[in-house]
Each structure stands twice: as C-alpha cells, then as structure tokens.
C-alpha cells in the first residue's frame, strides 16, 4: 500500500481590528481548515500597535487545534520587553515564531536594543533554547532597503547562523527568482528550507499598492494584462487564479518544500488554488 505524502501548506492572517473582523476571520479559518495547514501565522505591528490583537488571534488558532506562529518584530524593542513577550507566548503554547526586524512606526526614532532580525534570532535562541521553531524572512528579489543583492544574501545567511530553522519568502510571480535565491544561499552554505510566499491576486489596485510598498516585482506581462481588465473583477480573479496556480505548480515541481499563502483574511482564492493543485 502506497502512502501519499502531504505537500505542506501554511497560511498567514493579520489580526482583525473589530469584533466583526474577529468573527469573519473565524469563519475564514473554518473554510480553510480542510487544507490542514501545517501552521497559521499572524502578523504583528511594530511598536506594539497590534501586539494584543496578534496574541488574541494566535490564542484563537491554538484553541481550534491548529499550530500557530506569531510574527515577532524587534524594531524599537528592548531586551526586557522581548523577554516578557517570549515568556507569554511560550506559556500560551506557541512553538513557532516568525522573527522579523519590522518597520518603524511613524513618529518613532530608531530606538530599541535590536538593530537587525539576526539580533532577535540570536536573542531568542540564547533566552529560550529550542522552545521555538524560528522562521525568518527571505527576499528572492532582494530586500528593498538592501545595499546590494550580495549584502542581502549575507544578511540572510547571518540570520540562519544566528539560529533560524526555516524561511518564508516575500511573495513573487517569477519562479526563476526563487530558484536562483535558493541556489545562491546554498552556495553560501545555508541549509534551511526556504518556503515560497504566495500572494493570490484578487484585486489589481491592491496588488500594485502592496508591491510598490514592499518591493515585490510584478512582471510586465502580468501588470499589462491586469490593467487591460480595467474594473472587471471577475476577469482579474480568473486570470489571477491561473497565474498563481501555474506559479505554484512550477515551485512544487522544482522542489519547493511547501507553500505559504498570504490570505489577506480571505479564503476563496487560497482554497481554489489548492483545489487545482490537488491539495
């Protein structure tokens, strides 16, 4: 009898700001439950802006029997503050962290006792040993603030040497960028799973806005096709499903260790892509 090995899927949510949002996200998680995600991650605002919301959402996910990963950004943070938060997460039963530098909230100076995500990873390891599986961010198309692609690869290697277990990438629509990144970090002797981050396309304007903000490249042919659809949301969604499913097929065939979906607290696109992939 042959047993089929499940291809790992994980899903990211952001903490809702209203009671209605909390209820809506609960329904979305129920809809996504058949995918049996390996874990669900919850984003985290810098300077504590959504910290409580993050922890509440993580608590909800854990109570539903799914592993939850809390995003954890260190910009503007102190060692004592981070130590307190880590202790709290551990007590909640969290076993996975996504360790990020994070963005400075407006009005903040560059204060805090951590400069880079690698400082946070090293601190978590020193304080907590192996209590957490630590994920870090990867940028196949180079971090928008990096001085050069080489310095970005070195920064990634430093995070891994500090104790990261695996990585999740910024989203992208060019599989070559991902495979090249994996080759490059492999050449640096970095041996951790690098899971591609997948952004379903549901809205043309939203995608352009996000991509301009985070430096993710939208290939010219995709941009032009999206523009040609104008306000025809049905065509945008249908095209988006085809493009992203095809990307996921390429990644899986090329040996990617899993897929991490940026759900935007929606279920339809992620469910349909996974259905097409047979997941």
C-alpha atoms as a PDB file:
ATOM      1  CA  UNK A   1       0.000   0.000   0.000  1.00  0.00           C
ATOM      2  CA  UNK A   2       1.488   3.369  -1.006  1.00  0.00           C
ATOM      3  CA  UNK A   3       1.022   6.322   1.292  1.00  0.00           C
ATOM      4  CA  UNK A   4       0.887   9.786  -0.245  1.00  0.00           C
ATOM      5  CA  UNK A   5       2.989  12.404   1.489  1.00  0.00           C
ATOM      6  CA  UNK A   6       1.048  15.635   2.014  1.00  0.00           C
ATOM      7  CA  UNK A   7       2.590  18.723   0.463  1.00  0.00           C
ATOM      8  CA  UNK A   8       2.890  21.241   3.326  1.00  0.00           C
ATOM      9  CA  UNK A   9       0.727  24.376   3.220  1.00  0.00           C
ATOM     10  CA  UNK A  10       0.724  27.228   5.738  1.00  0.00           C
ATOM     11  CA  UNK A  11      -1.446  30.353   5.840  1.00  0.00           C
ATOM     12  CA  UNK A  12      -0.908  33.917   7.070  1.00  0.00           C
ATOM     13  CA  UNK A  13      -3.565  36.136   8.672  1.00  0.00           C
ATOM     14  CA  UNK A  14      -3.499  39.642  10.107  1.00  0.00           C
ATOM     15  CA  UNK A  15      -5.157  40.478  13.450  1.00  0.00           C
ATOM     16  CA  UNK A  16      -8.675  41.922  12.971  1.00  0.00           C
ATOM     17  CA  UNK A  17      -9.379  45.346  14.471  1.00  0.00           C
ATOM     18  CA  UNK A  18     -13.122  44.929  15.198  1.00  0.00           C
ATOM     19  CA  UNK A  19     -15.370  42.248  16.796  1.00  0.00           C
ATOM     20  CA  UNK A  20     -16.958  41.744  13.333  1.00  0.00           C
ATOM     21  CA  UNK A  21     -13.492  41.189  11.864  1.00  0.00           C
ATOM     22  CA  UNK A  22     -12.711  38.613  14.562  1.00  0.00           C
ATOM     23  CA  UNK A  23     -15.915  36.710  13.731  1.00  0.00           C
ATOM     24  CA  UNK A  24     -15.299  36.938   9.976  1.00  0.00           C
ATOM     25  CA  UNK A  25     -11.760  35.572  10.401  1.00  0.00           C
ATOM     26  CA  UNK A  26     -13.094  32.685  12.480  1.00  0.00           C
ATOM     27  CA  UNK A  27     -15.363  31.722   9.562  1.00  0.00           C
ATOM     28  CA  UNK A  28     -12.455  32.082   7.098  1.00  0.00           C
ATOM     29  CA  UNK A  29     -10.328  29.733   9.216  1.00  0.00           C
ATOM     30  CA  UNK A  30     -13.168  27.171   9.260  1.00  0.00           C
ATOM     31  CA  UNK A  31     -13.350  27.392   5.457  1.00  0.00           C
ATOM     32  CA  UNK A  32      -9.575  26.872   5.174  1.00  0.00           C
ATOM     33  CA  UNK A  33      -9.458  24.047   7.751  1.00  0.00           C
ATOM     34  CA  UNK A  34      -9.834  21.235   5.128  1.00  0.00           C
ATOM     35  CA  UNK A  35      -6.363  22.230   3.821  1.00  0.00           C
ATOM     36  CA  UNK A  36      -4.966  21.025   7.189  1.00  0.00           C
ATOM     37  CA  UNK A  37      -2.357  23.814   7.287  1.00  0.00           C
ATOM     38  CA  UNK A  38       0.918  22.894   8.931  1.00  0.00           C
ATOM     39  CA  UNK A  39       0.597  26.184  10.828  1.00  0.00           C
ATOM     40  CA  UNK A  40      -1.130  29.563  10.592  1.00  0.00           C
ATOM     41  CA  UNK A  41       0.930  32.691  11.156  1.00  0.00           C
ATOM     42  CA  UNK A  42      -0.355  36.028  12.453  1.00  0.00           C
ATOM     43  CA  UNK A  43       1.266  39.355  11.577  1.00  0.00           C
ATOM     44  CA  UNK A  44       2.480  41.826  14.154  1.00  0.00           C
ATOM     45  CA  UNK A  45       2.584  45.639  14.066  1.00  0.00           C
ATOM     46  CA  UNK A  46       5.734  47.455  15.128  1.00  0.00           C
ATOM     47  CA  UNK A  47       5.831  49.264  18.448  1.00  0.00           C
ATOM     48  CA  UNK A  48       3.027  47.147  19.888  1.00  0.00           C
ATOM     49  CA  UNK A  49       0.338  48.652  17.641  1.00  0.00           C
ATOM     50  CA  UNK A  50      -1.317  45.274  17.014  1.00  0.00           C
ATOM     51  CA  UNK A  51       0.533  43.165  19.565  1.00  0.00           C
ATOM     52  CA  UNK A  52      -2.529  42.353  21.668  1.00  0.00           C
ATOM     53  CA  UNK A  53      -4.552  41.581  18.552  1.00  0.00           C
ATOM     54  CA  UNK A  54      -1.791  39.270  17.328  1.00  0.00           C
ATOM     55  CA  UNK A  55      -1.706  37.335  20.600  1.00  0.00           C
ATOM     56  CA  UNK A  56      -5.522  37.079  20.730  1.00  0.00           C
ATOM     57  CA  UNK A  57      -5.666  35.721  17.162  1.00  0.00           C
ATOM     58  CA  UNK A  58      -2.841  33.258  17.937  1.00  0.00           C
ATOM     59  CA  UNK A  59      -4.802  32.110  21.012  1.00  0.00           C
ATOM     60  CA  UNK A  60      -7.928  31.551  18.870  1.00  0.00           C
ATOM     61  CA  UNK A  61      -5.990  29.483  16.311  1.00  0.00           C
ATOM     62  CA  UNK A  62      -4.407  27.327  19.033  1.00  0.00           C
ATOM     63  CA  UNK A  63      -7.842  26.735  20.601  1.00  0.00           C
ATOM     64  CA  UNK A  64      -9.008  25.311  17.249  1.00  0.00           C
ATOM     65  CA  UNK A  65      -6.251  22.704  17.339  1.00  0.00           C
ATOM     66  CA  UNK A  66      -4.002  24.265  14.682  1.00  0.00           C
ATOM     67  CA  UNK A  67      -0.371  25.192  15.266  1.00  0.00           C
ATOM     68  CA  UNK A  68       0.018  28.996  15.357  1.00  0.00           C
ATOM     69  CA  UNK A  69       3.120  31.021  14.577  1.00  0.00           C
ATOM     70  CA  UNK A  70       3.308  34.539  15.973  1.00  0.00           C
ATOM     71  CA  UNK A  71       5.112  37.164  13.929  1.00  0.00           C
ATOM     72  CA  UNK A  72       7.566  38.962  16.162  1.00  0.00           C
ATOM     73  CA  UNK A  73       9.204  42.241  15.161  1.00  0.00           C
ATOM     74  CA  UNK A  74      12.028  43.713  17.235  1.00  0.00           C
ATOM     75  CA  UNK A  75      12.423  47.276  15.935  1.00  0.00           C
ATOM     76  CA  UNK A  76      12.137  49.750  18.797  1.00  0.00           C
ATOM     77  CA  UNK A  77      12.018  46.878  21.329  1.00  0.00           C
ATOM     78  CA  UNK A  78      14.056  46.272  24.483  1.00  0.00           C
ATOM     79  CA  UNK A  79      15.584  43.009  25.683  1.00  0.00           C
ATOM     80  CA  UNK A  80      13.341  43.020  28.759  1.00  0.00           C
ATOM     81  CA  UNK A  81      10.217  43.674  26.688  1.00  0.00           C
ATOM     82  CA  UNK A  82      11.007  40.894  24.228  1.00  0.00           C
ATOM     83  CA  UNK A  83      11.841  38.502  27.065  1.00  0.00           C
ATOM     84  CA  UNK A  84       8.424  39.182  28.623  1.00  0.00           C
ATOM     85  CA  UNK A  85       6.605  38.611  25.303  1.00  0.00           C
ATOM     86  CA  UNK A  86       8.507  35.381  24.605  1.00  0.00           C
ATOM     87  CA  UNK A  87       7.618  34.037  28.044  1.00  0.00           C
ATOM     88  CA  UNK A  88       3.969  34.907  27.410  1.00  0.00           C
ATOM     89  CA  UNK A  89       3.946  33.170  24.008  1.00  0.00           C
ATOM     90  CA  UNK A  90       5.623  30.075  25.417  1.00  0.00           C
ATOM     91  CA  UNK A  91       3.049  29.904  28.224  1.00  0.00           C
ATOM     92  CA  UNK A  92       0.259  30.129  25.598  1.00  0.00           C
ATOM     93  CA  UNK A  93       1.630  27.038  23.893  1.00  0.00           C
ATOM     94  CA  UNK A  94       3.170  28.786  20.869  1.00  0.00           C
ATOM     95  CA  UNK A  95       6.022  26.738  19.396  1.00  0.00           C
ATOM     96  CA  UNK A  96       6.739  28.745  16.268  1.00  0.00           C
ATOM     97  CA  UNK A  97       7.897  32.350  15.701  1.00  0.00           C
ATOM     98  CA  UNK A  98       8.371  34.418  12.562  1.00  0.00           C
ATOM     99  CA  UNK A  99      11.267  36.659  13.611  1.00  0.00           C
ATOM    100  CA  UNK A 100      11.417  39.975  11.753  1.00  0.00           C
ATOM    101  CA  UNK A 101      13.124  43.297  12.108  1.00  0.00           C
ATOM    102  CA  UNK A 102       9.846  45.060  11.304  1.00  0.00           C
ATOM    103  CA  UNK A 103       9.199  48.621  10.184  1.00  0.00           C
ATOM    104  CA  UNK A 104       9.469  51.629  12.440  1.00  0.00           C
ATOM    105  CA  UNK A 105       6.036  53.029  13.267  1.00  0.00           C
ATOM    106  CA  UNK A 106       5.644  56.695  12.317  1.00  0.00           C
ATOM    107  CA  UNK A 107       6.908  59.045  14.998  1.00  0.00           C
ATOM    108  CA  UNK A 108       9.470  56.554  16.321  1.00  0.00           C
ATOM    109  CA  UNK A 109      13.163  57.264  16.373  1.00  0.00           C
ATOM    110  CA  UNK A 110      15.493  54.380  15.589  1.00  0.00           C
ATOM    111  CA  UNK A 111      15.484  53.401  19.282  1.00  0.00           C
ATOM    112  CA  UNK A 112      15.462  49.933  20.763  1.00  0.00           C
ATOM    113  CA  UNK A 113      18.099  47.368  21.596  1.00  0.00           C
ATOM    114  CA  UNK A 114      17.884  45.323  18.378  1.00  0.00           C
ATOM    115  CA  UNK A 115      19.176  46.518  15.009  1.00  0.00           C
ATOM    116  CA  UNK A 116      18.521  43.513  12.803  1.00  0.00           C
ATOM    117  CA  UNK A 117      16.344  40.414  12.690  1.00  0.00           C
ATOM    118  CA  UNK A 118      19.535  38.372  13.235  1.00  0.00           C
ATOM    119  CA  UNK A 119      19.901  40.083  16.652  1.00  0.00           C
ATOM    120  CA  UNK A 120      16.378  38.950  17.539  1.00  0.00           C
ATOM    121  CA  UNK A 121      17.016  35.369  16.362  1.00  0.00           C
ATOM    122  CA  UNK A 122      20.216  35.163  18.433  1.00  0.00           C
ATOM    123  CA  UNK A 123      18.418  36.609  21.482  1.00  0.00           C
ATOM    124  CA  UNK A 124      15.514  34.120  21.221  1.00  0.00           C
ATOM    125  CA  UNK A 125      17.965  31.216  20.958  1.00  0.00           C
ATOM    126  CA  UNK A 126      20.036  32.452  23.906  1.00  0.00           C
ATOM    127  CA  UNK A 127      16.971  33.052  26.108  1.00  0.00           C
ATOM    128  CA  UNK A 128      14.699  30.187  25.074  1.00  0.00           C
ATOM    129  CA  UNK A 129      16.943  27.473  23.645  1.00  0.00           C
ATOM    130  CA  UNK A 130      14.902  25.278  21.301  1.00  0.00           C
ATOM    131  CA  UNK A 131      11.487  26.242  22.719  1.00  0.00           C
ATOM    132  CA  UNK A 132      10.578  27.878  19.371  1.00  0.00           C
ATOM    133  CA  UNK A 133      10.932  26.897  15.737  1.00  0.00           C
ATOM    134  CA  UNK A 134      12.179  30.186  14.252  1.00  0.00           C
ATOM    135  CA  UNK A 135      11.158  31.317  10.771  1.00  0.00           C
ATOM    136  CA  UNK A 136      12.851  34.294   9.127  1.00  0.00           C
ATOM    137  CA  UNK A 137      12.005  36.338   6.020  1.00  0.00           C
ATOM    138  CA  UNK A 138      13.709  35.837   2.654  1.00  0.00           C
ATOM    139  CA  UNK A 139      13.676  38.171  -0.353  1.00  0.00           C
ATOM    140  CA  UNK A 140      14.163  36.371  -3.699  1.00  0.00           C
ATOM    141  CA  UNK A 141      14.066  39.758  -5.486  1.00  0.00           C
ATOM    142  CA  UNK A 142      16.306  41.451  -2.852  1.00  0.00           C
ATOM    143  CA  UNK A 143      15.099  43.435   0.167  1.00  0.00           C
ATOM    144  CA  UNK A 144      14.049  46.948  -0.950  1.00  0.00           C
ATOM    145  CA  UNK A 145      16.419  48.548   1.600  1.00  0.00           C
ATOM    146  CA  UNK A 146      19.422  46.303   0.888  1.00  0.00           C
ATOM    147  CA  UNK A 147      22.583  47.999  -0.391  1.00  0.00           C
ATOM    148  CA  UNK A 148      23.096  45.201  -2.937  1.00  0.00           C
ATOM    149  CA  UNK A 149      21.899  41.659  -3.717  1.00  0.00           C
ATOM    150  CA  UNK A 150      25.165  40.361  -2.195  1.00  0.00           C
ATOM    151  CA  UNK A 151      24.677  42.222   1.086  1.00  0.00           C
ATOM    152  CA  UNK A 152      21.080  40.951   1.227  1.00  0.00           C
ATOM    153  CA  UNK A 153      22.225  37.335   0.803  1.00  0.00           C
ATOM    154  CA  UNK A 154      24.842  37.859   3.533  1.00  0.00           C
ATOM    155  CA  UNK A 155      22.191  39.311   5.860  1.00  0.00           C
ATOM    156  CA  UNK A 156      20.038  36.222   5.225  1.00  0.00           C
ATOM    157  CA  UNK A 157      22.994  33.911   5.974  1.00  0.00           C
ATOM    158  CA  UNK A 158      23.614  35.833   9.228  1.00  0.00           C
ATOM    159  CA  UNK A 159      20.004  35.184  10.336  1.00  0.00           C
ATOM    160  CA  UNK A 160      20.445  31.474   9.658  1.00  0.00           C
ATOM    161  CA  UNK A 161      23.777  31.347  11.513  1.00  0.00           C
ATOM    162  CA  UNK A 162      22.077  33.106  14.445  1.00  0.00           C
ATOM    163  CA  UNK A 163      19.719  30.117  14.770  1.00  0.00           C
ATOM    164  CA  UNK A 164      16.852  30.286  12.239  1.00  0.00           C
ATOM    165  CA  UNK A 165      15.214  26.936  11.385  1.00  0.00           C
ATOM    166  CA  UNK A 166      13.470  27.872   8.131  1.00  0.00           C
ATOM    167  CA  UNK A 167      12.477  30.844   6.000  1.00  0.00           C
ATOM    168  CA  UNK A 168       9.382  32.211   4.268  1.00  0.00           C
ATOM    169  CA  UNK A 169       9.849  34.429   1.240  1.00  0.00           C
ATOM    170  CA  UNK A 170       8.304  37.716   0.259  1.00  0.00           C
ATOM    171  CA  UNK A 171       5.760  36.979  -2.477  1.00  0.00           C
ATOM    172  CA  UNK A 172       6.895  36.980  -6.114  1.00  0.00           C
ATOM    173  CA  UNK A 173       5.494  35.963  -9.505  1.00  0.00           C
ATOM    174  CA  UNK A 174       8.702  34.799 -11.181  1.00  0.00           C
ATOM    175  CA  UNK A 175       9.739  31.304 -10.114  1.00  0.00           C
ATOM    176  CA  UNK A 176      13.254  31.857 -11.522  1.00  0.00           C
ATOM    177  CA  UNK A 177      13.877  34.483  -8.831  1.00  0.00           C
ATOM    178  CA  UNK A 178      13.021  31.922  -6.134  1.00  0.00           C
ATOM    179  CA  UNK A 179      15.159  29.113  -7.572  1.00  0.00           C
ATOM    180  CA  UNK A 180      18.079  31.481  -8.096  1.00  0.00           C
ATOM    181  CA  UNK A 181      17.819  32.699  -4.492  1.00  0.00           C
ATOM    182  CA  UNK A 182      17.826  29.111  -3.177  1.00  0.00           C
ATOM    183  CA  UNK A 183      20.915  28.338  -5.318  1.00  0.00           C
ATOM    184  CA  UNK A 184      22.687  31.469  -4.083  1.00  0.00           C
ATOM    185  CA  UNK A 185      22.090  30.795  -0.383  1.00  0.00           C
ATOM    186  CA  UNK A 186      23.037  27.146  -0.925  1.00  0.00           C
ATOM    187  CA  UNK A 187      26.356  28.353  -2.350  1.00  0.00           C
ATOM    188  CA  UNK A 188      26.868  30.286   0.910  1.00  0.00           C
ATOM    189  CA  UNK A 189      26.445  27.023   2.837  1.00  0.00           C
ATOM    190  CA  UNK A 190      22.979  27.939   4.127  1.00  0.00           C
ATOM    191  CA  UNK A 191      20.970  24.748   4.542  1.00  0.00           C
ATOM    192  CA  UNK A 192      17.457  25.549   5.759  1.00  0.00           C
ATOM    193  CA  UNK A 193      14.110  25.084   3.999  1.00  0.00           C
ATOM    194  CA  UNK A 194      13.066  28.252   2.127  1.00  0.00           C
ATOM    195  CA  UNK A 195       9.276  28.192   1.682  1.00  0.00           C
ATOM    196  CA  UNK A 196       7.861  30.417  -1.068  1.00  0.00           C
ATOM    197  CA  UNK A 197       5.300  33.019  -0.001  1.00  0.00           C
ATOM    198  CA  UNK A 198       2.265  33.035  -2.301  1.00  0.00           C
ATOM    199  CA  UNK A 199       0.025  36.087  -2.816  1.00  0.00           C
ATOM    200  CA  UNK A 200      -3.251  35.260  -4.599  1.00  0.00           C
ATOM    201  CA  UNK A 201      -4.387  38.015  -6.988  1.00  0.00           C
ATOM    202  CA  UNK A 202      -7.875  39.241  -6.118  1.00  0.00           C
ATOM    203  CA  UNK A 203      -7.595  42.972  -6.793  1.00  0.00           C
ATOM    204  CA  UNK A 204      -5.389  44.751  -9.297  1.00  0.00           C
ATOM    205  CA  UNK A 205      -5.123  48.049  -7.385  1.00  0.00           C
ATOM    206  CA  UNK A 206      -4.420  46.315  -4.062  1.00  0.00           C
ATOM    207  CA  UNK A 207      -1.649  44.216  -5.620  1.00  0.00           C
ATOM    208  CA  UNK A 208       0.016  47.273  -7.204  1.00  0.00           C
ATOM    209  CA  UNK A 209      -0.160  49.157  -3.882  1.00  0.00           C
ATOM    210  CA  UNK A 210       1.351  46.281  -1.859  1.00  0.00           C
ATOM    211  CA  UNK A 211       4.043  45.612  -4.423  1.00  0.00           C
ATOM    212  CA  UNK A 212       5.113  49.258  -4.591  1.00  0.00           C
ATOM    213  CA  UNK A 213       5.324  49.306  -0.778  1.00  0.00           C
ATOM    214  CA  UNK A 214       7.297  46.085  -0.302  1.00  0.00           C
ATOM    215  CA  UNK A 215       9.419  45.965  -3.450  1.00  0.00           C
ATOM    216  CA  UNK A 216       7.860  42.812  -4.932  1.00  0.00           C
ATOM    217  CA  UNK A 217       8.185  42.747  -8.706  1.00  0.00           C
ATOM    218  CA  UNK A 218       5.057  42.338 -10.836  1.00  0.00           C
ATOM    219  CA  UNK A 219       6.252  41.074 -14.248  1.00  0.00           C
ATOM    220  CA  UNK A 220       5.345  43.477 -17.047  1.00  0.00           C
ATOM    221  CA  UNK A 221       3.095  40.975 -18.842  1.00  0.00           C
ATOM    222  CA  UNK A 222       1.038  40.419 -15.661  1.00  0.00           C
ATOM    223  CA  UNK A 223       0.807  44.166 -14.985  1.00  0.00           C
ATOM    224  CA  UNK A 224      -0.370  44.876 -18.559  1.00  0.00           C
ATOM    225  CA  UNK A 225      -2.953  42.079 -18.500  1.00  0.00           C
ATOM    226  CA  UNK A 226      -4.338  43.301 -15.168  1.00  0.00           C
ATOM    227  CA  UNK A 227      -4.546  46.872 -16.493  1.00  0.00           C
ATOM    228  CA  UNK A 228      -6.366  45.646 -19.609  1.00  0.00           C
ATOM    229  CA  UNK A 229      -9.175  44.196 -17.463  1.00  0.00           C
ATOM    230  CA  UNK A 230      -9.997  47.639 -16.005  1.00  0.00           C
ATOM    231  CA  UNK A 231     -12.715  47.209 -13.337  1.00  0.00           C
ATOM    232  CA  UNK A 232     -13.714  43.710 -14.492  1.00  0.00           C
ATOM    233  CA  UNK A 233     -13.111  41.964 -11.142  1.00  0.00           C
ATOM    234  CA  UNK A 234     -14.298  38.553 -12.406  1.00  0.00           C
ATOM    235  CA  UNK A 235     -11.666  38.569 -15.171  1.00  0.00           C
ATOM    236  CA  UNK A 236      -8.970  39.799 -12.751  1.00  0.00           C
ATOM    237  CA  UNK A 237      -9.758  36.963 -10.314  1.00  0.00           C
ATOM    238  CA  UNK A 238      -9.901  34.301 -13.066  1.00  0.00           C
ATOM    239  CA  UNK A 239      -6.585  35.484 -14.535  1.00  0.00           C
ATOM    240  CA  UNK A 240      -5.048  35.690 -11.033  1.00  0.00           C
ATOM    241  CA  UNK A 241      -6.050  32.090 -10.242  1.00  0.00           C
ATOM    242  CA  UNK A 242      -4.464  30.827 -13.473  1.00  0.00           C
ATOM    243  CA  UNK A 243      -1.226  32.774 -12.939  1.00  0.00           C
ATOM    244  CA  UNK A 244      -0.777  31.840  -9.271  1.00  0.00           C
ATOM    245  CA  UNK A 245      -1.742  28.173  -9.735  1.00  0.00           C
ATOM    246  CA  UNK A 246       0.804  27.908 -12.552  1.00  0.00           C
ATOM    247  CA  UNK A 247       3.451  29.533 -10.326  1.00  0.00           C
ATOM    248  CA  UNK A 248       2.698  27.063  -7.510  1.00  0.00           C
ATOM    249  CA  UNK A 249       2.960  24.137  -9.952  1.00  0.00           C
ATOM    250  CA  UNK A 250       6.407  25.340 -11.062  1.00  0.00           C
ATOM    251  CA  UNK A 251       7.554  25.762  -7.459  1.00  0.00           C
ATOM    252  CA  UNK A 252       6.313  22.333  -6.389  1.00  0.00           C
ATOM    253  CA  UNK A 253       7.831  20.634  -9.452  1.00  0.00           C
ATOM    254  CA  UNK A 254      11.130  22.420  -8.785  1.00  0.00           C
ATOM    255  CA  UNK A 255      11.393  21.098  -5.233  1.00  0.00           C
ATOM    256  CA  UNK A 256       9.999  23.903  -3.041  1.00  0.00           C
ATOM    257  CA  UNK A 257       9.462  22.486   0.477  1.00  0.00           C
ATOM    258  CA  UNK A 258       5.914  23.894   0.852  1.00  0.00           C
ATOM    259  CA  UNK A 259       3.701  26.896   0.082  1.00  0.00           C
ATOM    260  CA  UNK A 260       2.879  29.760   2.463  1.00  0.00           C
ATOM    261  CA  UNK A 261      -0.286  31.647   1.459  1.00  0.00           C
ATOM    262  CA  UNK A 262      -0.762  35.342   2.258  1.00  0.00           C
ATOM    263  CA  UNK A 263      -4.534  35.017   2.693  1.00  0.00           C
ATOM    264  CA  UNK A 264      -5.411  38.674   3.410  1.00  0.00           C
ATOM    265  CA  UNK A 265      -8.024  37.146   5.768  1.00  0.00           C
ATOM    266  CA  UNK A 266      -9.917  35.710   2.769  1.00  0.00           C
ATOM    267  CA  UNK A 267     -10.415  32.046   1.890  1.00  0.00           C
ATOM    268  CA  UNK A 268     -11.765  31.778  -1.675  1.00  0.00           C
ATOM    269  CA  UNK A 269      -8.580  32.231  -3.728  1.00  0.00           C
ATOM    270  CA  UNK A 270      -6.353  30.088  -1.483  1.00  0.00           C
ATOM    271  CA  UNK A 271      -8.958  27.297  -1.455  1.00  0.00           C
ATOM    272  CA  UNK A 272      -9.366  27.345  -5.238  1.00  0.00           C
ATOM    273  CA  UNK A 273      -5.606  27.354  -5.919  1.00  0.00           C
ATOM    274  CA  UNK A 274      -5.114  24.425  -3.527  1.00  0.00           C
ATOM    275  CA  UNK A 275      -8.053  22.569  -5.116  1.00  0.00           C
ATOM    276  CA  UNK A 276      -6.443  22.964  -8.542  1.00  0.00           C
ATOM    277  CA  UNK A 277      -3.138  21.727  -7.117  1.00  0.00           C
ATOM    278  CA  UNK A 278      -4.850  18.680  -5.629  1.00  0.00           C
ATOM    279  CA  UNK A 279      -4.058  19.783  -2.098  1.00  0.00           C
END
